[in-house]
């Protein structure tokens, strides 16, 4: 489930490690196609330059514009501009990115959804220079923990951009789907929004996610909607590749998986870029509240206990 909304979830380990879905909730930079246009356009001013030389200049412009495979959880990857191989896509302003991760445990807003087992995760995003984006993200699950089946597949889209220097926003929609869930209604959708502020090595994000009333959220407890509020903080340690992360979230509604109708989740951790696109992270994640009686009925498993979670990820 997204942590840009994931925040620091698996967005736990990445400050978005739900420090983490949100999608996430979608905690990205992109290559400005104007950079390529200006470089190749400058070469075109000299009418004596041959078409072959202009093509070579465009290729050099692509390299100088930084078009290459580069490194990210939340909602956590750098897009790759494919304009070098497709002039049409470059002119249209599209960029693409992908990410893959191996986590020791999949935590969604503090709740263990992989049965204390390793989970494999990955996603793909399409971004436009206007700020609009769409993507998909998937994770393996434990079939017996909360009864969603063995796979989660999230589909999301929205808009993100800068409001002023250092202040940005992200708003969108995400659908959580479970392709091999048992009979019944399990898929649900959510709307999200966040504001992020950066100053030097410090970044903070505050966000909200709301899932309106849906049959899939009616677990017999009298509520069929869900509200999630969260804040994430990350601080880069100068002259090191290490970033310290923190997260605090509050759930009110169907997705607390506790005896109460509300619950707090939190985490504190660190992550470091170790080589190229590869990042490692670790976080201590907790949630206030004991498992609900309905949740325990799926397997008598305590999936709200505090836990240390490790992540190995790569972004392209």
C-alpha atoms as a PDB file:
ATOM      1  CA  UNK A   1       0.000   0.000   0.000  1.00  0.00           C
ATOM      2  CA  UNK A   2       1.609   3.328  -0.940  1.00  0.00           C
ATOM      3  CA  UNK A   3       3.759   5.196   1.693  1.00  0.00           C
ATOM      4  CA  UNK A   4       4.060   8.431  -0.109  1.00  0.00           C
ATOM      5  CA  UNK A   5       1.753   8.065   1.198  1.00  0.00           C
ATOM      6  CA  UNK A   6       3.653   5.314   2.677  1.00  0.00           C
ATOM      7  CA  UNK A   7       5.698   8.071   4.132  1.00  0.00           C
ATOM      8  CA  UNK A   8       8.253   6.034   6.023  1.00  0.00           C
ATOM      9  CA  UNK A   9       6.328   2.753   5.716  1.00  0.00           C
ATOM     10  CA  UNK A  10       8.240   0.952   3.142  1.00  0.00           C
ATOM     11  CA  UNK A  11       7.750   4.519   2.412  1.00  0.00           C
ATOM     12  CA  UNK A  12       8.766   3.083   6.392  1.00  0.00           C
ATOM     13  CA  UNK A  13      12.364   2.877   5.496  1.00  0.00           C
ATOM     14  CA  UNK A  14      12.630   5.623   3.025  1.00  0.00           C
ATOM     15  CA  UNK A  15      10.731   8.559   4.521  1.00  0.00           C
ATOM     16  CA  UNK A  16       8.348   7.382   3.079  1.00  0.00           C
ATOM     17  CA  UNK A  17       9.857   4.618   5.334  1.00  0.00           C
ATOM     18  CA  UNK A  18       5.924   4.561   6.051  1.00  0.00           C
ATOM     19  CA  UNK A  19       9.329   6.057   6.620  1.00  0.00           C
ATOM     20  CA  UNK A  20       4.833   4.481   3.499  1.00  0.00           C
ATOM     21  CA  UNK A  21       1.791   4.565   1.157  1.00  0.00           C
ATOM     22  CA  UNK A  22       0.560   5.942   1.342  1.00  0.00           C
ATOM     23  CA  UNK A  23       0.781   6.020  -2.105  1.00  0.00           C
ATOM     24  CA  UNK A  24       2.278   6.815  -0.549  1.00  0.00           C
ATOM     25  CA  UNK A  25       1.051   7.935  -1.694  1.00  0.00           C
ATOM     26  CA  UNK A  26       4.197   8.933  -3.975  1.00  0.00           C
ATOM     27  CA  UNK A  27       7.003  10.654  -2.022  1.00  0.00           C
ATOM     28  CA  UNK A  28      10.979  12.799  -7.796  1.00  0.00           C
ATOM     29  CA  UNK A  29      12.936  14.948 -10.116  1.00  0.00           C
ATOM     30  CA  UNK A  30      12.747  14.966 -13.892  1.00  0.00           C
ATOM     31  CA  UNK A  31      14.887  16.100 -16.772  1.00  0.00           C
ATOM     32  CA  UNK A  32      13.566  19.336 -18.296  1.00  0.00           C
ATOM     33  CA  UNK A  33      13.044  18.715 -22.025  1.00  0.00           C
ATOM     34  CA  UNK A  34      13.784  22.432 -22.604  1.00  0.00           C
ATOM     35  CA  UNK A  35      17.390  21.695 -21.638  1.00  0.00           C
ATOM     36  CA  UNK A  36      17.747  19.425 -24.649  1.00  0.00           C
ATOM     37  CA  UNK A  37      15.799  21.818 -26.900  1.00  0.00           C
ATOM     38  CA  UNK A  38      18.052  24.762 -26.012  1.00  0.00           C
ATOM     39  CA  UNK A  39      21.276  22.862 -26.657  1.00  0.00           C
ATOM     40  CA  UNK A  40      20.231  21.328 -29.952  1.00  0.00           C
ATOM     41  CA  UNK A  41      18.470  24.583 -30.912  1.00  0.00           C
ATOM     42  CA  UNK A  42      21.711  26.505 -30.478  1.00  0.00           C
ATOM     43  CA  UNK A  43      23.404  24.232 -32.981  1.00  0.00           C
ATOM     44  CA  UNK A  44      20.549  24.804 -35.436  1.00  0.00           C
ATOM     45  CA  UNK A  45      21.245  28.568 -35.504  1.00  0.00           C
ATOM     46  CA  UNK A  46      24.299  27.936 -37.695  1.00  0.00           C
ATOM     47  CA  UNK A  47      22.833  26.971 -41.078  1.00  0.00           C
ATOM     48  CA  UNK A  48      26.242  25.700 -42.214  1.00  0.00           C
ATOM     49  CA  UNK A  49      26.144  22.774 -39.806  1.00  0.00           C
ATOM     50  CA  UNK A  50      25.356  19.516 -41.565  1.00  0.00           C
ATOM     51  CA  UNK A  51      22.382  17.318 -40.496  1.00  0.00           C
ATOM     52  CA  UNK A  52      24.875  14.649 -39.344  1.00  0.00           C
ATOM     53  CA  UNK A  53      26.636  17.139 -37.084  1.00  0.00           C
ATOM     54  CA  UNK A  54      23.302  18.374 -35.723  1.00  0.00           C
ATOM     55  CA  UNK A  55      22.341  14.795 -34.793  1.00  0.00           C
ATOM     56  CA  UNK A  56      25.666  14.385 -33.012  1.00  0.00           C
ATOM     57  CA  UNK A  57      25.085  17.683 -31.193  1.00  0.00           C
ATOM     58  CA  UNK A  58      21.641  16.511 -30.072  1.00  0.00           C
ATOM     59  CA  UNK A  59      23.168  13.309 -28.756  1.00  0.00           C
ATOM     60  CA  UNK A  60      25.769  15.303 -26.837  1.00  0.00           C
ATOM     61  CA  UNK A  61      23.009  17.550 -25.498  1.00  0.00           C
ATOM     62  CA  UNK A  62      21.163  14.522 -24.174  1.00  0.00           C
ATOM     63  CA  UNK A  63      24.236  13.381 -22.285  1.00  0.00           C
ATOM     64  CA  UNK A  64      24.918  16.853 -20.921  1.00  0.00           C
ATOM     65  CA  UNK A  65      21.262  17.127 -19.824  1.00  0.00           C
ATOM     66  CA  UNK A  66      21.814  14.121 -17.570  1.00  0.00           C
ATOM     67  CA  UNK A  67      19.691  11.549 -19.407  1.00  0.00           C
ATOM     68  CA  UNK A  68      20.817   8.305 -17.807  1.00  0.00           C
ATOM     69  CA  UNK A  69      19.748   5.619 -15.356  1.00  0.00           C
ATOM     70  CA  UNK A  70      19.876   7.278 -11.952  1.00  0.00           C
ATOM     71  CA  UNK A  71      18.745   6.490  -8.384  1.00  0.00           C
ATOM     72  CA  UNK A  72      15.210   6.629  -4.958  1.00  0.00           C
ATOM     73  CA  UNK A  73       9.727   3.937  -0.785  1.00  0.00           C
ATOM     74  CA  UNK A  74       7.337   6.601   0.461  1.00  0.00           C
ATOM     75  CA  UNK A  75       5.454   7.296  -2.652  1.00  0.00           C
ATOM     76  CA  UNK A  76      11.072   7.170  -4.152  1.00  0.00           C
ATOM     77  CA  UNK A  77      12.906   7.164  -7.332  1.00  0.00           C
ATOM     78  CA  UNK A  78      14.557   9.454  -9.840  1.00  0.00           C
ATOM     79  CA  UNK A  79      12.904   9.430 -13.300  1.00  0.00           C
ATOM     80  CA  UNK A  80      14.811   8.434 -16.413  1.00  0.00           C
ATOM     81  CA  UNK A  81      14.271  10.665 -19.447  1.00  0.00           C
ATOM     82  CA  UNK A  82      13.924   8.492 -22.542  1.00  0.00           C
ATOM     83  CA  UNK A  83      13.943  11.439 -24.949  1.00  0.00           C
ATOM     84  CA  UNK A  84      17.315  10.325 -26.304  1.00  0.00           C
ATOM     85  CA  UNK A  85      15.703   7.283 -27.900  1.00  0.00           C
ATOM     86  CA  UNK A  86      12.325   8.834 -28.687  1.00  0.00           C
ATOM     87  CA  UNK A  87      12.136  12.430 -29.890  1.00  0.00           C
ATOM     88  CA  UNK A  88       8.337  12.420 -29.659  1.00  0.00           C
ATOM     89  CA  UNK A  89       8.280  11.401 -25.986  1.00  0.00           C
ATOM     90  CA  UNK A  90      10.955  13.967 -25.179  1.00  0.00           C
ATOM     91  CA  UNK A  91       9.017  16.765 -26.852  1.00  0.00           C
ATOM     92  CA  UNK A  92       5.853  15.595 -25.055  1.00  0.00           C
ATOM     93  CA  UNK A  93       7.637  15.926 -21.706  1.00  0.00           C
ATOM     94  CA  UNK A  94       7.350  12.336 -20.458  1.00  0.00           C
ATOM     95  CA  UNK A  95       9.834  10.670 -18.105  1.00  0.00           C
ATOM     96  CA  UNK A  96       9.827   7.160 -16.659  1.00  0.00           C
ATOM     97  CA  UNK A  97      11.146   5.611 -13.448  1.00  0.00           C
ATOM     98  CA  UNK A  98      11.140   2.223 -11.750  1.00  0.00           C
ATOM     99  CA  UNK A  99      12.026   0.885  -8.323  1.00  0.00           C
ATOM    100  CA  UNK A 100      12.502  -2.501  -6.660  1.00  0.00           C
ATOM    101  CA  UNK A 101      12.983  -3.406  -2.997  1.00  0.00           C
ATOM    102  CA  UNK A 102      13.544  -6.312  -0.652  1.00  0.00           C
ATOM    103  CA  UNK A 103      12.215  -5.664   2.868  1.00  0.00           C
ATOM    104  CA  UNK A 104      12.500  -7.858   5.937  1.00  0.00           C
ATOM    105  CA  UNK A 105       8.833  -7.119   6.664  1.00  0.00           C
ATOM    106  CA  UNK A 106       6.122  -5.170   4.830  1.00  0.00           C
ATOM    107  CA  UNK A 107       4.629  -2.587   7.167  1.00  0.00           C
ATOM    108  CA  UNK A 108       1.623  -0.507   6.111  1.00  0.00           C
ATOM    109  CA  UNK A 109       1.012   2.346   8.546  1.00  0.00           C
ATOM    110  CA  UNK A 110       2.672   0.320  11.245  1.00  0.00           C
ATOM    111  CA  UNK A 111       0.774  -2.913  10.538  1.00  0.00           C
ATOM    112  CA  UNK A 112       2.684  -6.031   9.450  1.00  0.00           C
ATOM    113  CA  UNK A 113       1.164  -7.369   6.215  1.00  0.00           C
ATOM    114  CA  UNK A 114       3.810  -9.977   5.393  1.00  0.00           C
ATOM    115  CA  UNK A 115       3.582 -12.160   8.487  1.00  0.00           C
ATOM    116  CA  UNK A 116       7.074 -11.192   9.711  1.00  0.00           C
ATOM    117  CA  UNK A 117       8.428 -12.610   6.445  1.00  0.00           C
ATOM    118  CA  UNK A 118      10.544 -10.991   3.720  1.00  0.00           C
ATOM    119  CA  UNK A 119       8.533  -9.131   1.073  1.00  0.00           C
ATOM    120  CA  UNK A 120       9.461  -8.327  -2.518  1.00  0.00           C
ATOM    121  CA  UNK A 121       8.244  -4.981  -3.849  1.00  0.00           C
ATOM    122  CA  UNK A 122       8.520  -2.862  -6.963  1.00  0.00           C
ATOM    123  CA  UNK A 123       6.872  -0.177  -9.025  1.00  0.00           C
ATOM    124  CA  UNK A 124       6.846   1.808 -12.263  1.00  0.00           C
ATOM    125  CA  UNK A 125       5.930   5.478 -12.815  1.00  0.00           C
ATOM    126  CA  UNK A 126       5.196   7.737 -15.768  1.00  0.00           C
ATOM    127  CA  UNK A 127       5.678  11.468 -15.153  1.00  0.00           C
ATOM    128  CA  UNK A 128       4.885  14.500 -17.285  1.00  0.00           C
ATOM    129  CA  UNK A 129       6.616  17.867 -17.207  1.00  0.00           C
ATOM    130  CA  UNK A 130       3.243  19.455 -16.316  1.00  0.00           C
ATOM    131  CA  UNK A 131       3.400  17.691 -12.942  1.00  0.00           C
ATOM    132  CA  UNK A 132       0.867  14.950 -13.649  1.00  0.00           C
ATOM    133  CA  UNK A 133       1.912  11.354 -12.991  1.00  0.00           C
ATOM    134  CA  UNK A 134       0.577   7.802 -12.929  1.00  0.00           C
ATOM    135  CA  UNK A 135       2.062   4.582 -11.667  1.00  0.00           C
ATOM    136  CA  UNK A 136       1.723   1.158 -10.172  1.00  0.00           C
ATOM    137  CA  UNK A 137       3.334  -0.544  -7.184  1.00  0.00           C
ATOM    138  CA  UNK A 138       3.149  -4.131  -5.918  1.00  0.00           C
ATOM    139  CA  UNK A 139       4.193  -6.154  -2.889  1.00  0.00           C
ATOM    140  CA  UNK A 140       4.036  -9.730  -1.723  1.00  0.00           C
ATOM    141  CA  UNK A 141       1.799 -10.391   1.323  1.00  0.00           C
ATOM    142  CA  UNK A 142       1.211 -13.098   3.881  1.00  0.00           C
ATOM    143  CA  UNK A 143      -2.087 -14.799   2.997  1.00  0.00           C
ATOM    144  CA  UNK A 144      -3.042 -15.532   6.611  1.00  0.00           C
ATOM    145  CA  UNK A 145      -2.168 -12.248   8.333  1.00  0.00           C
ATOM    146  CA  UNK A 146      -5.134 -10.055   7.352  1.00  0.00           C
ATOM    147  CA  UNK A 147      -6.689 -12.285   4.699  1.00  0.00           C
ATOM    148  CA  UNK A 148      -5.960 -10.178   1.594  1.00  0.00           C
ATOM    149  CA  UNK A 149      -4.262 -12.959  -0.382  1.00  0.00           C
ATOM    150  CA  UNK A 150      -0.605 -13.122  -1.383  1.00  0.00           C
ATOM    151  CA  UNK A 151      -0.302  -9.997  -3.566  1.00  0.00           C
ATOM    152  CA  UNK A 152      -1.067  -6.290  -3.302  1.00  0.00           C
ATOM    153  CA  UNK A 153      -1.229  -4.207  -6.493  1.00  0.00           C
ATOM    154  CA  UNK A 154      -1.669  -0.433  -6.200  1.00  0.00           C
ATOM    155  CA  UNK A 155      -2.677   1.864  -9.054  1.00  0.00           C
ATOM    156  CA  UNK A 156      -2.347   5.608  -8.586  1.00  0.00           C
ATOM    157  CA  UNK A 157      -2.254   8.974 -10.313  1.00  0.00           C
ATOM    158  CA  UNK A 158      -2.103  12.627  -9.399  1.00  0.00           C
ATOM    159  CA  UNK A 159      -0.283  15.931  -9.668  1.00  0.00           C
ATOM    160  CA  UNK A 160       2.776  17.224  -7.833  1.00  0.00           C
ATOM    161  CA  UNK A 161       4.710  20.444  -8.149  1.00  0.00           C
ATOM    162  CA  UNK A 162       6.358  23.406  -6.442  1.00  0.00           C
ATOM    163  CA  UNK A 163       4.175  26.123  -4.909  1.00  0.00           C
ATOM    164  CA  UNK A 164       7.055  28.367  -3.875  1.00  0.00           C
ATOM    165  CA  UNK A 165      10.775  27.859  -3.339  1.00  0.00           C
ATOM    166  CA  UNK A 166      11.173  24.954  -0.939  1.00  0.00           C
ATOM    167  CA  UNK A 167       7.422  24.254  -0.731  1.00  0.00           C
ATOM    168  CA  UNK A 168       5.724  21.579  -2.842  1.00  0.00           C
ATOM    169  CA  UNK A 169       2.445  19.684  -2.927  1.00  0.00           C
ATOM    170  CA  UNK A 170       1.209  16.285  -4.076  1.00  0.00           C
ATOM    171  CA  UNK A 171      -2.452  15.338  -4.564  1.00  0.00           C
ATOM    172  CA  UNK A 172      -3.894  12.200  -6.076  1.00  0.00           C
ATOM    173  CA  UNK A 173      -5.940   9.022  -6.024  1.00  0.00           C
ATOM    174  CA  UNK A 174      -4.873   5.452  -5.259  1.00  0.00           C
ATOM    175  CA  UNK A 175      -6.621   2.101  -5.632  1.00  0.00           C
ATOM    176  CA  UNK A 176      -5.463  -0.819  -3.475  1.00  0.00           C
ATOM    177  CA  UNK A 177      -6.230  -4.112  -5.194  1.00  0.00           C
ATOM    178  CA  UNK A 178      -5.656  -7.737  -4.167  1.00  0.00           C
ATOM    179  CA  UNK A 179      -5.766  -9.944  -7.284  1.00  0.00           C
ATOM    180  CA  UNK A 180      -5.763 -13.327  -5.495  1.00  0.00           C
ATOM    181  CA  UNK A 181      -7.817 -12.445  -2.413  1.00  0.00           C
ATOM    182  CA  UNK A 182     -10.414 -14.980  -1.248  1.00  0.00           C
ATOM    183  CA  UNK A 183     -14.098 -14.516  -2.161  1.00  0.00           C
ATOM    184  CA  UNK A 184     -15.488 -11.202  -0.969  1.00  0.00           C
ATOM    185  CA  UNK A 185     -14.794  -7.492  -1.375  1.00  0.00           C
ATOM    186  CA  UNK A 186     -11.237  -6.443  -0.500  1.00  0.00           C
ATOM    187  CA  UNK A 187     -10.231  -3.750  -3.021  1.00  0.00           C
ATOM    188  CA  UNK A 188     -10.656  -0.147  -1.911  1.00  0.00           C
ATOM    189  CA  UNK A 189      -9.632   3.357  -2.991  1.00  0.00           C
ATOM    190  CA  UNK A 190      -8.320   6.464  -1.284  1.00  0.00           C
ATOM    191  CA  UNK A 191      -7.707  10.157  -1.985  1.00  0.00           C
ATOM    192  CA  UNK A 192      -4.519  11.789  -0.683  1.00  0.00           C
ATOM    193  CA  UNK A 193      -2.748  15.113  -0.436  1.00  0.00           C
ATOM    194  CA  UNK A 194       0.422  16.451   1.166  1.00  0.00           C
ATOM    195  CA  UNK A 195       2.614  19.527   1.603  1.00  0.00           C
ATOM    196  CA  UNK A 196       6.403  19.249   1.795  1.00  0.00           C
ATOM    197  CA  UNK A 197       8.940  21.845   2.878  1.00  0.00           C
ATOM    198  CA  UNK A 198      12.710  21.620   2.389  1.00  0.00           C
ATOM    199  CA  UNK A 199      15.448  23.773   3.820  1.00  0.00           C
ATOM    200  CA  UNK A 200      19.008  22.632   3.264  1.00  0.00           C
ATOM    201  CA  UNK A 201      19.371  19.013   4.416  1.00  0.00           C
ATOM    202  CA  UNK A 202      16.024  19.061   6.287  1.00  0.00           C
ATOM    203  CA  UNK A 203      12.731  17.995   4.700  1.00  0.00           C
ATOM    204  CA  UNK A 204       9.304  17.767   6.323  1.00  0.00           C
ATOM    205  CA  UNK A 205       6.004  16.475   4.956  1.00  0.00           C
ATOM    206  CA  UNK A 206       2.481  16.619   6.337  1.00  0.00           C
ATOM    207  CA  UNK A 207      -0.287  14.677   4.634  1.00  0.00           C
ATOM    208  CA  UNK A 208      -3.806  13.308   4.732  1.00  0.00           C
ATOM    209  CA  UNK A 209      -5.395  10.258   3.109  1.00  0.00           C
ATOM    210  CA  UNK A 210      -9.118   9.539   3.119  1.00  0.00           C
ATOM    211  CA  UNK A 211     -10.949   6.418   1.986  1.00  0.00           C
ATOM    212  CA  UNK A 212     -14.698   7.089   1.632  1.00  0.00           C
ATOM    213  CA  UNK A 213     -17.256   4.535   2.776  1.00  0.00           C
ATOM    214  CA  UNK A 214     -16.944   1.307   0.789  1.00  0.00           C
ATOM    215  CA  UNK A 215     -18.258  -2.220   1.263  1.00  0.00           C
ATOM    216  CA  UNK A 216     -14.685  -3.534   1.359  1.00  0.00           C
ATOM    217  CA  UNK A 217     -13.990  -1.412   4.466  1.00  0.00           C
ATOM    218  CA  UNK A 218     -17.023  -2.585   6.410  1.00  0.00           C
ATOM    219  CA  UNK A 219     -15.571  -5.235   8.711  1.00  0.00           C
ATOM    220  CA  UNK A 220     -18.638  -5.342  10.947  1.00  0.00           C
ATOM    221  CA  UNK A 221     -17.296  -2.746  13.353  1.00  0.00           C
ATOM    222  CA  UNK A 222     -19.783  -0.028  12.420  1.00  0.00           C
ATOM    223  CA  UNK A 223     -17.462   2.048  10.214  1.00  0.00           C
ATOM    224  CA  UNK A 224     -16.830   1.819   6.484  1.00  0.00           C
ATOM    225  CA  UNK A 225     -14.439   4.722   5.864  1.00  0.00           C
ATOM    226  CA  UNK A 226     -10.904   5.571   6.990  1.00  0.00           C
ATOM    227  CA  UNK A 227      -8.915   8.741   7.721  1.00  0.00           C
ATOM    228  CA  UNK A 228      -5.126   8.833   7.958  1.00  0.00           C
ATOM    229  CA  UNK A 229      -3.001  11.824   9.024  1.00  0.00           C
ATOM    230  CA  UNK A 230       0.781  11.751   9.037  1.00  0.00           C
ATOM    231  CA  UNK A 231       3.988  13.742   9.197  1.00  0.00           C
ATOM    232  CA  UNK A 232       7.461  12.728   8.007  1.00  0.00           C
ATOM    233  CA  UNK A 233      10.829  14.321   8.758  1.00  0.00           C
ATOM    234  CA  UNK A 234      14.189  13.576   7.153  1.00  0.00           C
ATOM    235  CA  UNK A 235      17.593  15.103   7.897  1.00  0.00           C
ATOM    236  CA  UNK A 236      20.634  14.495   5.731  1.00  0.00           C
ATOM    237  CA  UNK A 237      23.886  14.262   7.667  1.00  0.00           C
ATOM    238  CA  UNK A 238      26.417  16.605   5.980  1.00  0.00           C
ATOM    239  CA  UNK A 239      29.389  15.009   4.168  1.00  0.00           C
ATOM    240  CA  UNK A 240      27.812  11.534   4.507  1.00  0.00           C
ATOM    241  CA  UNK A 241      25.355   9.522   2.376  1.00  0.00           C
ATOM    242  CA  UNK A 242      23.186   8.964   5.476  1.00  0.00           C
ATOM    243  CA  UNK A 243      19.711  10.403   6.024  1.00  0.00           C
ATOM    244  CA  UNK A 244      17.912  10.101   9.372  1.00  0.00           C
ATOM    245  CA  UNK A 245      14.138   9.666   9.098  1.00  0.00           C
ATOM    246  CA  UNK A 246      11.145   9.940  11.418  1.00  0.00           C
ATOM    247  CA  UNK A 247       7.424   9.331  11.008  1.00  0.00           C
ATOM    248  CA  UNK A 248       4.213   9.757  13.018  1.00  0.00           C
ATOM    249  CA  UNK A 249       0.789   8.730  11.756  1.00  0.00           C
ATOM    250  CA  UNK A 250      -2.774   8.582  13.085  1.00  0.00           C
ATOM    251  CA  UNK A 251      -5.510   6.285  11.743  1.00  0.00           C
ATOM    252  CA  UNK A 252      -9.220   6.709  12.476  1.00  0.00           C
ATOM    253  CA  UNK A 253     -11.547   4.167  10.898  1.00  0.00           C
ATOM    254  CA  UNK A 254     -11.590   0.686   9.447  1.00  0.00           C
ATOM    255  CA  UNK A 255      -7.873   0.237   8.803  1.00  0.00           C
ATOM    256  CA  UNK A 256      -6.512   0.438  12.341  1.00  0.00           C
ATOM    257  CA  UNK A 257      -6.555  -3.385  12.799  1.00  0.00           C
ATOM    258  CA  UNK A 258      -6.715  -2.739  16.557  1.00  0.00           C
ATOM    259  CA  UNK A 259      -9.376  -3.059  19.251  1.00  0.00           C
ATOM    260  CA  UNK A 260      -9.932   0.699  19.165  1.00  0.00           C
ATOM    261  CA  UNK A 261     -11.271   2.653  16.213  1.00  0.00           C
ATOM    262  CA  UNK A 262      -8.112   4.737  16.124  1.00  0.00           C
ATOM    263  CA  UNK A 263      -4.383   4.106  16.404  1.00  0.00           C
ATOM    264  CA  UNK A 264      -1.019   5.874  16.228  1.00  0.00           C
ATOM    265  CA  UNK A 265       1.927   4.475  14.270  1.00  0.00           C
ATOM    266  CA  UNK A 266       5.483   5.750  14.333  1.00  0.00           C
ATOM    267  CA  UNK A 267       8.980   4.967  13.178  1.00  0.00           C
ATOM    268  CA  UNK A 268      12.532   6.235  13.379  1.00  0.00           C
ATOM    269  CA  UNK A 269      15.313   5.091  11.106  1.00  0.00           C
ATOM    270  CA  UNK A 270      18.144   5.864   8.719  1.00  0.00           C
ATOM    271  CA  UNK A 271      18.995   5.170   5.096  1.00  0.00           C
ATOM    272  CA  UNK A 272      22.093   5.529   2.959  1.00  0.00           C
ATOM    273  CA  UNK A 273      22.930   5.437  -0.721  1.00  0.00           C
ATOM    274  CA  UNK A 274      25.697   2.830  -0.845  1.00  0.00           C
ATOM    275  CA  UNK A 275      26.405   2.471  -4.564  1.00  0.00           C
ATOM    276  CA  UNK A 276      24.825   3.942  -7.692  1.00  0.00           C
ATOM    277  CA  UNK A 277      21.045   3.440  -7.466  1.00  0.00           C
ATOM    278  CA  UNK A 278      21.288   1.112  -4.438  1.00  0.00           C
ATOM    279  CA  UNK A 279      20.044   2.256  -1.027  1.00  0.00           C
ATOM    280  CA  UNK A 280      19.962   0.427   2.302  1.00  0.00           C
ATOM    281  CA  UNK A 281      17.828   1.402   5.262  1.00  0.00           C
ATOM    282  CA  UNK A 282      16.711   0.323   8.705  1.00  0.00           C
ATOM    283  CA  UNK A 283      13.829   1.549  10.878  1.00  0.00           C
ATOM    284  CA  UNK A 284      12.219   0.750  14.190  1.00  0.00           C
ATOM    285  CA  UNK A 285       8.440   0.715  13.612  1.00  0.00           C
ATOM    286  CA  UNK A 286       5.667   0.626  16.175  1.00  0.00           C
ATOM    287  CA  UNK A 287       1.912   0.989  16.477  1.00  0.00           C
ATOM    288  CA  UNK A 288      -0.120   1.772  19.583  1.00  0.00           C
ATOM    289  CA  UNK A 289      -2.884  -0.774  20.088  1.00  0.00           C
ATOM    290  CA  UNK A 290      -3.445  -4.523  20.257  1.00  0.00           C
ATOM    291  CA  UNK A 291      -4.755  -6.556  17.296  1.00  0.00           C
ATOM    292  CA  UNK A 292      -8.544  -6.494  16.912  1.00  0.00           C
ATOM    293  CA  UNK A 293     -10.509  -9.637  17.615  1.00  0.00           C
ATOM    294  CA  UNK A 294     -11.620  -9.755  13.976  1.00  0.00           C
ATOM    295  CA  UNK A 295      -8.030  -9.446  12.752  1.00  0.00           C
ATOM    296  CA  UNK A 296      -6.805 -12.145  15.122  1.00  0.00           C
ATOM    297  CA  UNK A 297      -9.451 -14.483  13.761  1.00  0.00           C
ATOM    298  CA  UNK A 298      -7.559 -14.560  10.458  1.00  0.00           C
ATOM    299  CA  UNK A 299      -4.595 -16.333  12.038  1.00  0.00           C
ATOM    300  CA  UNK A 300      -4.113 -15.371  15.693  1.00  0.00           C
ATOM    301  CA  UNK A 301      -1.093 -13.350  14.608  1.00  0.00           C
ATOM    302  CA  UNK A 302       0.161 -10.248  16.408  1.00  0.00           C
ATOM    303  CA  UNK A 303       0.890  -7.978  13.452  1.00  0.00           C
ATOM    304  CA  UNK A 304       0.931  -4.743  15.468  1.00  0.00           C
ATOM    305  CA  UNK A 305       3.988  -5.477  17.627  1.00  0.00           C
ATOM    306  CA  UNK A 306       7.041  -3.194  17.403  1.00  0.00           C
ATOM    307  CA  UNK A 307       9.660  -4.385  14.935  1.00  0.00           C
ATOM    308  CA  UNK A 308      12.998  -3.474  13.344  1.00  0.00           C
ATOM    309  CA  UNK A 309      12.651  -3.520   9.549  1.00  0.00           C
ATOM    310  CA  UNK A 310      15.462  -3.474   7.011  1.00  0.00           C
ATOM    311  CA  UNK A 311      15.291  -2.457   3.340  1.00  0.00           C
ATOM    312  CA  UNK A 312      17.505  -2.974   0.312  1.00  0.00           C
ATOM    313  CA  UNK A 313      16.249  -0.981  -2.662  1.00  0.00           C
ATOM    314  CA  UNK A 314      17.244   0.323  -6.078  1.00  0.00           C
ATOM    315  CA  UNK A 315      15.712   3.005  -8.291  1.00  0.00           C
ATOM    316  CA  UNK A 316      16.190   3.513 -12.013  1.00  0.00           C
END
